[in-house]
Amino acid sequence: PFVRALPARDGYSRRGPMAMHHCQQTCAAIAIAALVSTATTGIAAAQAPAGASTPVEVRGGTASFDVGTNVPALSVHGKSTSLEARGTIRPGANGPELEQIEATVPIKTLATGMGLRDEHMRKYVFTTADGQTPDVKFSAKQATCSKTGGNQSTCDVTGDLSIRGTARPFSISLKV
């Protein structure tokens, strides 16, 4: 199934000092999208009984990002192929019902194609005061989904996004 992350609703700018924060928002959105995509494919393949909850796990998923910088004509592109996510999904009358969503993208796996930039990104953006580089993590207890027509649904996912070990509320809409 096709999964697309819609713009984040968190009030952060896409350029300037918070640009790398947006990078991680994008990674979290992709993690959730990969989980939902894999989950809906898994349910269709397994033909789970109505109302049955199915655990879903994603390992080695790809999270890509495109981030604006403080230079208006310059953006940074990158990806990680080490996304891991898990949760449960159950078919519902208004689209899939998602619960206990957890996704992780290891910082050390984020790559932009330029080694020096990657090193600086990890050192100056993602390293904590005590020298640690904790993974980016997203967790949500549930998502609210509604059918938008045919086999498509829109899922509103609200949870906590942790960057440098600090969790903040984060919401995103996904088209599944």
Protein backbone atom coordinates (compact mmCIF):
# COMPACT_ATOMS: atom_id res chain seq x y z
CA PRO A 1 0.00 0.00 0.00
CA PHE A 2 0.98 3.58 -0.58
CA VAL A 3 1.79 5.51 2.57
CA ARG A 4 2.50 9.26 2.63
CA ALA A 5 3.32 11.43 5.60
CA LEU A 6 1.47 14.74 5.64
CA PRO A 7 3.02 17.94 7.06
CA ALA A 8 3.77 17.91 10.76
CA ARG A 9 1.53 19.94 13.06
CA ASP A 10 4.08 21.00 15.62
CA GLY A 11 4.81 24.64 14.77
CA TYR A 12 8.52 24.13 14.05
CA SER A 13 10.14 25.86 11.11
CA ARG A 14 11.51 23.83 8.20
CA ARG A 15 14.58 26.09 8.00
CA GLY A 16 17.04 27.56 10.42
CA PRO A 17 18.13 26.17 13.79
CA MET A 18 15.24 23.72 14.04
CA ALA A 19 15.92 22.17 10.62
CA MET A 20 17.60 19.09 12.07
CA HIS A 21 14.67 18.72 14.46
CA HIS A 22 12.48 18.55 11.37
CA CYS A 23 14.81 15.86 10.02
CA GLN A 24 13.99 13.72 13.01
CA GLN A 25 10.28 14.49 12.72
CA THR A 26 10.49 13.18 9.18
CA CYS A 27 12.29 10.04 10.38
CA ALA A 28 9.57 9.43 12.95
CA ALA A 29 6.88 9.93 10.32
CA ILE A 30 8.56 7.47 7.99
CA ALA A 31 8.92 4.93 10.81
CA ILE A 32 5.20 5.14 11.52
CA ALA A 33 4.37 4.99 7.82
CA ALA A 34 6.55 1.90 7.38
CA LEU A 35 4.86 0.25 10.34
CA VAL A 36 1.36 1.03 9.05
CA SER A 37 2.25 -0.05 5.52
CA THR A 38 3.77 -3.33 6.65
CA ALA A 39 0.92 -3.91 9.08
CA THR A 40 -1.83 -3.39 6.53
CA THR A 41 0.00 -5.61 4.04
CA GLY A 42 0.47 -8.27 6.74
CA ILE A 43 -3.19 -8.23 7.68
CA ALA A 44 -4.30 -8.52 4.09
CA ALA A 45 -1.88 -11.42 3.50
CA ALA A 46 -2.82 -13.24 6.69
CA GLN A 47 -6.53 -12.51 6.32
CA ALA A 48 -6.87 -12.00 10.05
CA PRO A 49 -10.32 -12.60 11.55
CA ALA A 50 -12.45 -9.50 12.10
CA GLY A 51 -11.39 -7.63 15.23
CA ALA A 52 -8.25 -9.75 15.74
CA SER A 53 -5.18 -7.84 16.83
CA THR A 54 -2.04 -8.56 14.81
CA PRO A 55 1.46 -7.71 16.07
CA VAL A 56 3.65 -6.11 13.41
CA GLU A 57 7.38 -5.56 13.37
CA VAL A 58 9.59 -3.68 10.91
CA ARG A 59 13.36 -4.31 10.85
CA GLY A 60 15.77 -2.72 8.41
CA GLY A 61 13.23 -0.24 7.10
CA THR A 62 14.36 2.87 5.23
CA ALA A 63 13.85 6.35 6.63
CA SER A 64 14.77 9.19 4.30
CA PHE A 65 14.71 12.92 4.90
CA ASP A 66 14.98 16.23 3.08
CA VAL A 67 15.72 19.18 5.36
CA GLY A 68 15.96 22.89 4.61
CA THR A 69 18.92 24.78 6.06
CA ASN A 70 19.56 28.39 7.07
CA VAL A 71 20.74 28.97 3.47
CA PRO A 72 17.51 29.42 1.46
CA ALA A 73 18.63 27.57 -1.70
CA LEU A 74 20.28 24.67 0.14
CA SER A 75 18.69 21.54 1.52
CA VAL A 76 20.17 18.35 2.95
CA HIS A 77 19.05 14.90 1.84
CA GLY A 78 19.81 11.70 3.69
CA LYS A 79 18.57 8.35 4.87
CA SER A 80 18.94 5.43 7.26
CA THR A 81 18.28 1.81 6.39
CA SER A 82 18.13 0.75 10.03
CA LEU A 83 14.62 1.80 10.99
CA GLU A 84 12.92 -0.52 13.47
CA ALA A 85 9.27 -0.30 14.47
CA ARG A 86 6.61 -2.39 16.17
CA GLY A 87 2.99 -2.14 17.12
CA THR A 88 -0.34 -3.87 16.81
CA ILE A 89 -3.01 -3.38 14.20
CA ARG A 90 -6.57 -4.56 13.87
CA PRO A 91 -9.06 -3.98 11.06
CA GLY A 92 -11.83 -1.61 12.08
CA ALA A 93 -15.00 -0.24 10.53
CA ASN A 94 -13.36 3.19 10.06
CA GLY A 95 -9.97 1.91 8.85
CA PRO A 96 -7.08 0.26 10.63
CA GLU A 97 -6.82 0.56 14.42
CA LEU A 98 -3.21 1.03 15.55
CA GLU A 99 -1.96 0.55 19.12
CA GLN A 100 1.33 0.50 21.06
CA ILE A 101 3.37 2.05 18.24
CA GLU A 102 7.12 2.27 18.80
CA ALA A 103 9.72 3.28 16.21
CA THR A 104 13.49 3.81 16.43
CA VAL A 105 16.08 5.26 14.06
CA PRO A 106 19.70 4.94 15.23
CA ILE A 107 21.54 8.27 14.88
CA LYS A 108 24.75 6.55 13.80
CA THR A 109 22.93 5.25 10.69
CA LEU A 110 21.76 8.64 9.38
CA ALA A 111 23.82 9.42 6.28
CA THR A 112 23.73 12.36 3.88
CA GLY A 113 26.42 11.19 1.45
CA MET A 114 29.02 13.57 2.88
CA GLY A 115 31.09 12.05 5.68
CA LEU A 116 32.20 15.33 7.28
CA ARG A 117 28.64 16.67 7.36
CA ASP A 118 27.42 13.38 8.89
CA GLU A 119 30.14 13.54 11.55
CA HIS A 120 29.27 17.16 12.40
CA MET A 121 25.53 16.39 12.44
CA ARG A 122 26.05 13.59 14.95
CA LYS A 123 28.53 15.56 17.07
CA TYR A 124 26.89 18.99 17.17
CA VAL A 125 23.19 18.22 16.73
CA PHE A 126 22.54 14.80 18.26
CA THR A 127 25.16 14.38 20.99
CA THR A 128 24.06 15.06 24.57
CA ALA A 129 26.10 17.05 27.10
CA ASP A 130 27.45 13.78 28.55
CA GLY A 131 28.68 12.55 25.14
CA GLN A 132 25.86 10.09 24.37
CA THR A 133 24.02 9.88 21.03
CA PRO A 134 20.69 8.24 21.88
CA ASP A 135 18.53 6.92 19.05
CA VAL A 136 15.58 8.91 17.81
CA LYS A 137 12.47 7.24 19.22
CA PHE A 138 8.77 7.68 18.67
CA SER A 139 6.04 6.06 20.74
CA ALA A 140 2.26 6.33 20.69
CA LYS A 141 -0.41 4.38 22.53
CA GLN A 142 -2.85 4.52 19.62
CA ALA A 143 -3.76 6.19 16.36
CA THR A 144 -7.15 7.39 15.17
CA CYS A 145 -7.88 6.33 11.59
CA SER A 146 -10.77 7.12 9.26
CA LYS A 147 -11.56 5.88 5.78
CA THR A 148 -11.21 8.47 3.05
CA GLY A 149 -12.48 6.34 0.19
CA GLY A 150 -11.80 2.97 -1.41
CA ASN A 151 -8.90 1.27 0.33
CA GLN A 152 -7.42 4.52 1.70
CA SER A 153 -7.50 5.81 5.25
CA THR A 154 -6.07 8.80 7.08
CA CYS A 155 -4.50 8.05 10.46
CA ASP A 156 -3.82 10.78 13.04
CA VAL A 157 -0.96 9.60 15.24
CA THR A 158 -0.07 11.48 18.44
CA GLY A 159 2.75 10.43 20.72
CA ASP A 160 6.17 11.39 22.01
CA LEU A 161 9.22 11.99 19.82
CA SER A 162 12.54 11.66 21.68
CA ILE A 163 15.61 13.41 20.32
CA ARG A 164 18.82 13.44 22.37
CA GLY A 165 16.83 11.60 25.04
CA THR A 166 14.30 14.42 25.45
CA ALA A 167 10.69 13.48 24.68
CA ARG A 168 8.31 16.06 23.23
CA PRO A 169 4.72 15.72 22.02
CA PHE A 170 4.50 15.03 18.30
CA SER A 171 1.52 14.58 15.96
CA ILE A 172 1.38 13.55 12.33
CA SER A 173 -1.26 12.53 9.80
CA LEU A 174 -0.63 9.60 7.48
CA LYS A 175 -2.46 8.57 4.35
CA VAL A 176 -2.57 4.78 4.17
